Amino acid sequence: MIRKRENIVARVIHDSYFLIDIKQNYLDDKARIYEVNEIGYYIWKQLDVVSDVDDIDDGKEHYPIIPQQTPEIMNNAVNLLQPGEEAIVPVSIWFNFDPITEADIEIVEGAPLGKYQIKHGILSKYKNFDIIITVNYYDMYQNEYSQKVKLSSNMYASITQEGKAKHLCDINLKEATVPVKTGKRKTNSR
């Protein structure tokens, strides 16, 4: 059973979501503020009406997840899907971020969300990106399809109350075009 602590409240500040401990002793103007993403905020709100995380309904259909393996194993798993079935196929993306050091962080007295911030220009070398990917695939009838999807990023950093920072990146994948039938797989006939 899961339930909210009465001393934790949720707030939305400038399109960011926070959980705040309102019973904490605010010595030296310090407070515990936890930033959560949209999913965390949604789960927090759902705890008003459910007592088990498994009972939380996001209103979406859930699909089986095909674990990341070799391309051949993943293709075989996708080919086992029945007509109309969908699945989630994980994609790994590796970023080579430089560490954020103490020299990259400055103290700002009186800042509303904490006294530490990353110095101007430190994150400027990490650009958000939009990549168009062409996906080619076959359906169960060996019809070939092509579709474009867009992979987008939002790069930022998070700083703790202790002044430690880490890189964060939100990744979104959306359809850029509808699937287009491009042909039929040729089979070897003997």
C-alpha atoms as a PDB file:
ATOM      1  CA  MET A   1       0.000   0.000   0.000  1.00  0.00           C
ATOM      2  CA  ILE A   2       1.293   3.429  -0.922  1.00  0.00           C
ATOM      3  CA  ARG A   3       0.060   6.726   0.436  1.00  0.00           C
ATOM      4  CA  LYS A   4       1.196  10.317   0.389  1.00  0.00           C
ATOM      5  CA  ARG A   5       2.934  11.910   3.329  1.00  0.00           C
ATOM      6  CA  GLU A   6       0.769  14.750   4.564  1.00  0.00           C
ATOM      7  CA  ASN A   7       3.763  17.065   4.894  1.00  0.00           C
ATOM      8  CA  ILE A   8       4.675  16.810   1.186  1.00  0.00           C
ATOM      9  CA  VAL A   9       2.847  19.076  -1.269  1.00  0.00           C
ATOM     10  CA  ALA A  10       3.090  19.333  -5.046  1.00  0.00           C
ATOM     11  CA  ARG A  11       3.627  22.631  -6.831  1.00  0.00           C
ATOM     12  CA  VAL A  12       4.027  23.655 -10.471  1.00  0.00           C
ATOM     13  CA  ILE A  13       6.521  26.500 -10.928  1.00  0.00           C
ATOM     14  CA  HIS A  14       7.381  27.772 -14.422  1.00  0.00           C
ATOM     15  CA  ASP A  15       6.272  24.524 -16.121  1.00  0.00           C
ATOM     16  CA  SER A  16       8.399  22.431 -13.713  1.00  0.00           C
ATOM     17  CA  TYR A  17       6.975  20.045 -11.105  1.00  0.00           C
ATOM     18  CA  PHE A  18       8.132  20.002  -7.492  1.00  0.00           C
ATOM     19  CA  LEU A  19       7.368  18.088  -4.293  1.00  0.00           C
ATOM     20  CA  ILE A  20       8.032  20.232  -1.220  1.00  0.00           C
ATOM     21  CA  ASP A  21       8.372  19.173   2.426  1.00  0.00           C
ATOM     22  CA  ILE A  22       6.291  21.851   4.198  1.00  0.00           C
ATOM     23  CA  LYS A  23       7.023  20.638   7.765  1.00  0.00           C
ATOM     24  CA  GLN A  24      10.776  20.853   7.408  1.00  0.00           C
ATOM     25  CA  ASN A  25      12.577  23.220   9.732  1.00  0.00           C
ATOM     26  CA  TYR A  26      13.746  25.986   7.389  1.00  0.00           C
ATOM     27  CA  LEU A  27      16.995  26.825   9.167  1.00  0.00           C
ATOM     28  CA  ASP A  28      19.239  29.129   7.147  1.00  0.00           C
ATOM     29  CA  ASP A  29      16.507  29.419   4.474  1.00  0.00           C
ATOM     30  CA  LYS A  30      17.090  25.839   3.320  1.00  0.00           C
ATOM     31  CA  ALA A  31      14.251  23.595   2.223  1.00  0.00           C
ATOM     32  CA  ARG A  32      13.921  20.182   0.648  1.00  0.00           C
ATOM     33  CA  ILE A  33      12.455  20.558  -2.818  1.00  0.00           C
ATOM     34  CA  TYR A  34      12.304  17.555  -5.121  1.00  0.00           C
ATOM     35  CA  GLU A  35      11.886  18.168  -8.826  1.00  0.00           C
ATOM     36  CA  VAL A  36       9.903  15.461 -10.620  1.00  0.00           C
ATOM     37  CA  ASN A  37       9.029  14.987 -14.272  1.00  0.00           C
ATOM     38  CA  GLU A  38       5.473  14.942 -15.662  1.00  0.00           C
ATOM     39  CA  ILE A  39       5.119  11.215 -14.987  1.00  0.00           C
ATOM     40  CA  GLY A  40       6.205  11.626 -11.356  1.00  0.00           C
ATOM     41  CA  TYR A  41       3.763  14.500 -10.922  1.00  0.00           C
ATOM     42  CA  TYR A  42       0.951  12.447 -12.497  1.00  0.00           C
ATOM     43  CA  ILE A  43       1.694   9.507 -10.173  1.00  0.00           C
ATOM     44  CA  TRP A  44       1.742  11.836  -7.159  1.00  0.00           C
ATOM     45  CA  LYS A  45      -1.711  13.197  -8.075  1.00  0.00           C
ATOM     46  CA  GLN A  46      -3.045   9.660  -8.664  1.00  0.00           C
ATOM     47  CA  LEU A  47      -2.106   8.663  -5.112  1.00  0.00           C
ATOM     48  CA  ASP A  48      -5.145  10.694  -3.977  1.00  0.00           C
ATOM     49  CA  VAL A  49      -7.433   8.074  -5.517  1.00  0.00           C
ATOM     50  CA  VAL A  50      -5.457   4.797  -5.450  1.00  0.00           C
ATOM     51  CA  SER A  51      -3.428   2.990  -2.802  1.00  0.00           C
ATOM     52  CA  ASP A  52      -1.343   0.776  -5.089  1.00  0.00           C
ATOM     53  CA  VAL A  53       0.888   1.900  -7.940  1.00  0.00           C
ATOM     54  CA  ASP A  54      -0.445  -0.987 -10.052  1.00  0.00           C
ATOM     55  CA  ASP A  55      -3.902   0.623  -9.874  1.00  0.00           C
ATOM     56  CA  ILE A  56      -2.733   3.843 -11.511  1.00  0.00           C
ATOM     57  CA  ASP A  57      -4.282   4.136 -14.955  1.00  0.00           C
ATOM     58  CA  ASP A  58      -2.631   6.489 -17.388  1.00  0.00           C
ATOM     59  CA  GLY A  59      -5.454   6.021 -19.885  1.00  0.00           C
ATOM     60  CA  LYS A  60      -3.143   4.476 -22.460  1.00  0.00           C
ATOM     61  CA  GLU A  61      -2.812   0.980 -23.789  1.00  0.00           C
ATOM     62  CA  HIS A  62       0.339  -0.788 -22.672  1.00  0.00           C
ATOM     63  CA  TYR A  63       2.404  -2.874 -25.018  1.00  0.00           C
ATOM     64  CA  PRO A  64       4.833  -5.729 -24.495  1.00  0.00           C
ATOM     65  CA  ILE A  65       8.450  -4.616 -24.370  1.00  0.00           C
ATOM     66  CA  ILE A  66      10.901  -6.461 -26.600  1.00  0.00           C
ATOM     67  CA  PRO A  67      14.219  -6.551 -24.717  1.00  0.00           C
ATOM     68  CA  GLN A  68      17.212  -5.147 -26.547  1.00  0.00           C
ATOM     69  CA  GLN A  69      19.196  -7.977 -28.114  1.00  0.00           C
ATOM     70  CA  THR A  70      21.018  -8.540 -31.370  1.00  0.00           C
ATOM     71  CA  PRO A  71      19.197  -7.149 -34.444  1.00  0.00           C
ATOM     72  CA  GLU A  72      18.381 -10.693 -35.602  1.00  0.00           C
ATOM     73  CA  ILE A  73      16.766 -11.662 -32.277  1.00  0.00           C
ATOM     74  CA  MET A  74      14.821  -8.392 -32.154  1.00  0.00           C
ATOM     75  CA  ASN A  75      13.590  -8.830 -35.745  1.00  0.00           C
ATOM     76  CA  ASN A  76      12.449 -12.372 -34.937  1.00  0.00           C
ATOM     77  CA  ALA A  77      10.586 -11.125 -31.844  1.00  0.00           C
ATOM     78  CA  VAL A  78       8.855  -8.401 -33.869  1.00  0.00           C
ATOM     79  CA  ASN A  79       7.906 -10.955 -36.544  1.00  0.00           C
ATOM     80  CA  LEU A  80       6.113 -13.039 -33.872  1.00  0.00           C
ATOM     81  CA  LEU A  81       3.579 -10.271 -33.284  1.00  0.00           C
ATOM     82  CA  GLN A  82       0.062 -11.087 -34.420  1.00  0.00           C
ATOM     83  CA  PRO A  83      -1.874  -8.842 -36.839  1.00  0.00           C
ATOM     84  CA  GLY A  84      -2.790  -5.599 -35.070  1.00  0.00           C
ATOM     85  CA  GLU A  85      -0.426  -6.180 -32.140  1.00  0.00           C
ATOM     86  CA  GLU A  86       2.131  -3.575 -31.217  1.00  0.00           C
ATOM     87  CA  ALA A  87       5.221  -3.688 -29.044  1.00  0.00           C
ATOM     88  CA  ILE A  88       7.822  -1.363 -27.629  1.00  0.00           C
ATOM     89  CA  VAL A  89      11.354  -1.792 -28.937  1.00  0.00           C
ATOM     90  CA  PRO A  90      13.973  -0.029 -26.785  1.00  0.00           C
ATOM     91  CA  VAL A  91      16.678   1.998 -28.479  1.00  0.00           C
ATOM     92  CA  SER A  92      19.925   2.903 -26.685  1.00  0.00           C
ATOM     93  CA  ILE A  93      21.429   6.308 -27.253  1.00  0.00           C
ATOM     94  CA  TRP A  94      24.790   7.077 -25.679  1.00  0.00           C
ATOM     95  CA  PHE A  95      25.880  10.614 -24.882  1.00  0.00           C
ATOM     96  CA  ASN A  96      29.441  11.570 -24.060  1.00  0.00           C
ATOM     97  CA  PHE A  97      28.920  14.427 -21.607  1.00  0.00           C
ATOM     98  CA  ASP A  98      31.831  16.178 -19.966  1.00  0.00           C
ATOM     99  CA  PRO A  99      31.441  16.096 -16.170  1.00  0.00           C
ATOM    100  CA  ILE A 100      30.028  19.219 -14.560  1.00  0.00           C
ATOM    101  CA  THR A 101      32.725  20.299 -12.102  1.00  0.00           C
ATOM    102  CA  GLU A 102      32.602  22.603  -9.096  1.00  0.00           C
ATOM    103  CA  ALA A 103      34.241  25.279 -11.262  1.00  0.00           C
ATOM    104  CA  ASP A 104      31.172  25.149 -13.573  1.00  0.00           C
ATOM    105  CA  ILE A 105      28.756  26.013 -10.737  1.00  0.00           C
ATOM    106  CA  GLU A 106      28.194  29.408  -9.176  1.00  0.00           C
ATOM    107  CA  ILE A 107      26.410  30.472  -6.018  1.00  0.00           C
ATOM    108  CA  VAL A 108      23.473  32.843  -6.467  1.00  0.00           C
ATOM    109  CA  GLU A 109      22.112  34.220  -3.213  1.00  0.00           C
ATOM    110  CA  GLY A 110      18.363  34.702  -3.059  1.00  0.00           C
ATOM    111  CA  ALA A 111      17.558  32.468  -6.051  1.00  0.00           C
ATOM    112  CA  PRO A 112      13.972  31.117  -5.732  1.00  0.00           C
ATOM    113  CA  LEU A 113      14.750  27.436  -6.388  1.00  0.00           C
ATOM    114  CA  GLY A 114      18.162  27.016  -4.786  1.00  0.00           C
ATOM    115  CA  LYS A 115      21.378  28.882  -4.396  1.00  0.00           C
ATOM    116  CA  TYR A 116      23.395  27.004  -7.042  1.00  0.00           C
ATOM    117  CA  GLN A 117      23.262  27.389 -10.792  1.00  0.00           C
ATOM    118  CA  ILE A 118      25.439  26.340 -13.699  1.00  0.00           C
ATOM    119  CA  LYS A 119      27.541  29.147 -15.141  1.00  0.00           C
ATOM    120  CA  HIS A 120      26.336  30.692 -18.360  1.00  0.00           C
ATOM    121  CA  GLY A 121      27.717  28.948 -21.443  1.00  0.00           C
ATOM    122  CA  ILE A 122      28.693  25.628 -19.811  1.00  0.00           C
ATOM    123  CA  LEU A 123      25.822  23.701 -21.391  1.00  0.00           C
ATOM    124  CA  SER A 124      25.860  25.614 -24.683  1.00  0.00           C
ATOM    125  CA  LYS A 125      28.030  22.977 -26.362  1.00  0.00           C
ATOM    126  CA  TYR A 126      25.227  20.439 -25.887  1.00  0.00           C
ATOM    127  CA  LYS A 127      22.677  21.330 -28.511  1.00  0.00           C
ATOM    128  CA  ASN A 128      19.178  19.964 -28.639  1.00  0.00           C
ATOM    129  CA  PHE A 129      18.651  17.963 -31.776  1.00  0.00           C
ATOM    130  CA  ASP A 130      15.926  16.783 -34.121  1.00  0.00           C
ATOM    131  CA  ILE A 131      16.945  13.744 -36.153  1.00  0.00           C
ATOM    132  CA  ILE A 132      14.743  12.261 -38.862  1.00  0.00           C
ATOM    133  CA  ILE A 133      15.097   8.460 -39.029  1.00  0.00           C
ATOM    134  CA  THR A 134      13.741   6.358 -41.874  1.00  0.00           C
ATOM    135  CA  VAL A 135      12.356   3.041 -40.649  1.00  0.00           C
ATOM    136  CA  ASN A 136      11.827   0.248 -43.188  1.00  0.00           C
ATOM    137  CA  TYR A 137       9.947  -2.856 -42.140  1.00  0.00           C
ATOM    138  CA  TYR A 138       7.822  -5.768 -43.403  1.00  0.00           C
ATOM    139  CA  ASP A 139       4.405  -6.799 -42.202  1.00  0.00           C
ATOM    140  CA  MET A 140       3.300 -10.410 -41.802  1.00  0.00           C
ATOM    141  CA  TYR A 141       2.274 -10.541 -45.480  1.00  0.00           C
ATOM    142  CA  GLN A 142       5.804  -9.501 -46.555  1.00  0.00           C
ATOM    143  CA  ASN A 143       4.631  -6.051 -47.641  1.00  0.00           C
ATOM    144  CA  GLU A 144       7.453  -3.541 -47.247  1.00  0.00           C
ATOM    145  CA  TYR A 145       6.764  -0.186 -45.596  1.00  0.00           C
ATOM    146  CA  SER A 146       8.790   2.936 -45.038  1.00  0.00           C
ATOM    147  CA  GLN A 147       8.116   5.601 -42.463  1.00  0.00           C
ATOM    148  CA  LYS A 148       9.975   8.597 -41.067  1.00  0.00           C
ATOM    149  CA  VAL A 149      10.164   9.214 -37.320  1.00  0.00           C
ATOM    150  CA  LYS A 150      11.653  12.215 -35.526  1.00  0.00           C
ATOM    151  CA  LEU A 151      13.986  11.781 -32.569  1.00  0.00           C
ATOM    152  CA  SER A 152      14.194  14.992 -30.513  1.00  0.00           C
ATOM    153  CA  SER A 153      16.160  15.931 -27.422  1.00  0.00           C
ATOM    154  CA  ASN A 154      15.955  18.443 -24.630  1.00  0.00           C
ATOM    155  CA  MET A 155      19.289  18.695 -22.810  1.00  0.00           C
ATOM    156  CA  TYR A 156      19.629  20.290 -19.383  1.00  0.00           C
ATOM    157  CA  ALA A 157      21.272  19.799 -15.998  1.00  0.00           C
ATOM    158  CA  SER A 158      20.036  19.217 -12.477  1.00  0.00           C
ATOM    159  CA  ILE A 159      21.711  20.610  -9.350  1.00  0.00           C
ATOM    160  CA  THR A 160      21.198  19.217  -5.854  1.00  0.00           C
ATOM    161  CA  GLN A 161      20.904  21.339  -2.695  1.00  0.00           C
ATOM    162  CA  GLU A 162      24.524  20.351  -1.986  1.00  0.00           C
ATOM    163  CA  GLY A 163      25.716  21.896  -5.261  1.00  0.00           C
ATOM    164  CA  LYS A 164      26.320  18.633  -7.173  1.00  0.00           C
ATOM    165  CA  ALA A 165      25.200  18.648 -10.797  1.00  0.00           C
ATOM    166  CA  LYS A 166      24.484  16.082 -13.481  1.00  0.00           C
ATOM    167  CA  HIS A 167      23.469  16.155 -17.114  1.00  0.00           C
ATOM    168  CA  LEU A 168      19.918  15.174 -18.036  1.00  0.00           C
ATOM    169  CA  CYS A 169      18.293  14.677 -21.401  1.00  0.00           C
ATOM    170  CA  ASP A 170      14.679  14.060 -22.359  1.00  0.00           C
ATOM    171  CA  ILE A 171      14.265  12.082 -25.584  1.00  0.00           C
ATOM    172  CA  ASN A 172      11.067  12.032 -27.647  1.00  0.00           C
ATOM    173  CA  LEU A 173      10.271   9.867 -30.649  1.00  0.00           C
ATOM    174  CA  LYS A 174       7.286  10.827 -32.802  1.00  0.00           C
ATOM    175  CA  GLU A 175       5.936   9.862 -36.192  1.00  0.00           C
ATOM    176  CA  ALA A 176       7.011  12.371 -38.830  1.00  0.00           C
ATOM    177  CA  THR A 177       5.130  10.641 -41.681  1.00  0.00           C
ATOM    178  CA  VAL A 178       2.539   7.911 -41.989  1.00  0.00           C
ATOM    179  CA  PRO A 179       3.742   4.459 -43.127  1.00  0.00           C
ATOM    180  CA  VAL A 180       3.964   4.168 -46.919  1.00  0.00           C
ATOM    181  CA  LYS A 181       3.833   0.795 -48.674  1.00  0.00           C
ATOM    182  CA  THR A 182       6.949   0.602 -50.851  1.00  0.00           C
ATOM    183  CA  GLY A 183       6.801  -2.931 -52.220  1.00  0.00           C
ATOM    184  CA  LYS A 184       6.739  -6.596 -51.396  1.00  0.00           C
ATOM    185  CA  ARG A 185       9.582  -8.807 -50.168  1.00  0.00           C
ATOM    186  CA  LYS A 186      10.873 -11.050 -52.913  1.00  0.00           C
ATOM    187  CA  THR A 187      10.870 -14.706 -51.970  1.00  0.00           C
ATOM    188  CA  ASN A 188      13.021 -17.422 -53.487  1.00  0.00           C
ATOM    189  CA  SER A 189      10.842 -19.937 -55.310  1.00  0.00           C
ATOM    190  CA  ARG A 190      12.262 -23.268 -56.377  1.00  0.00           C
END
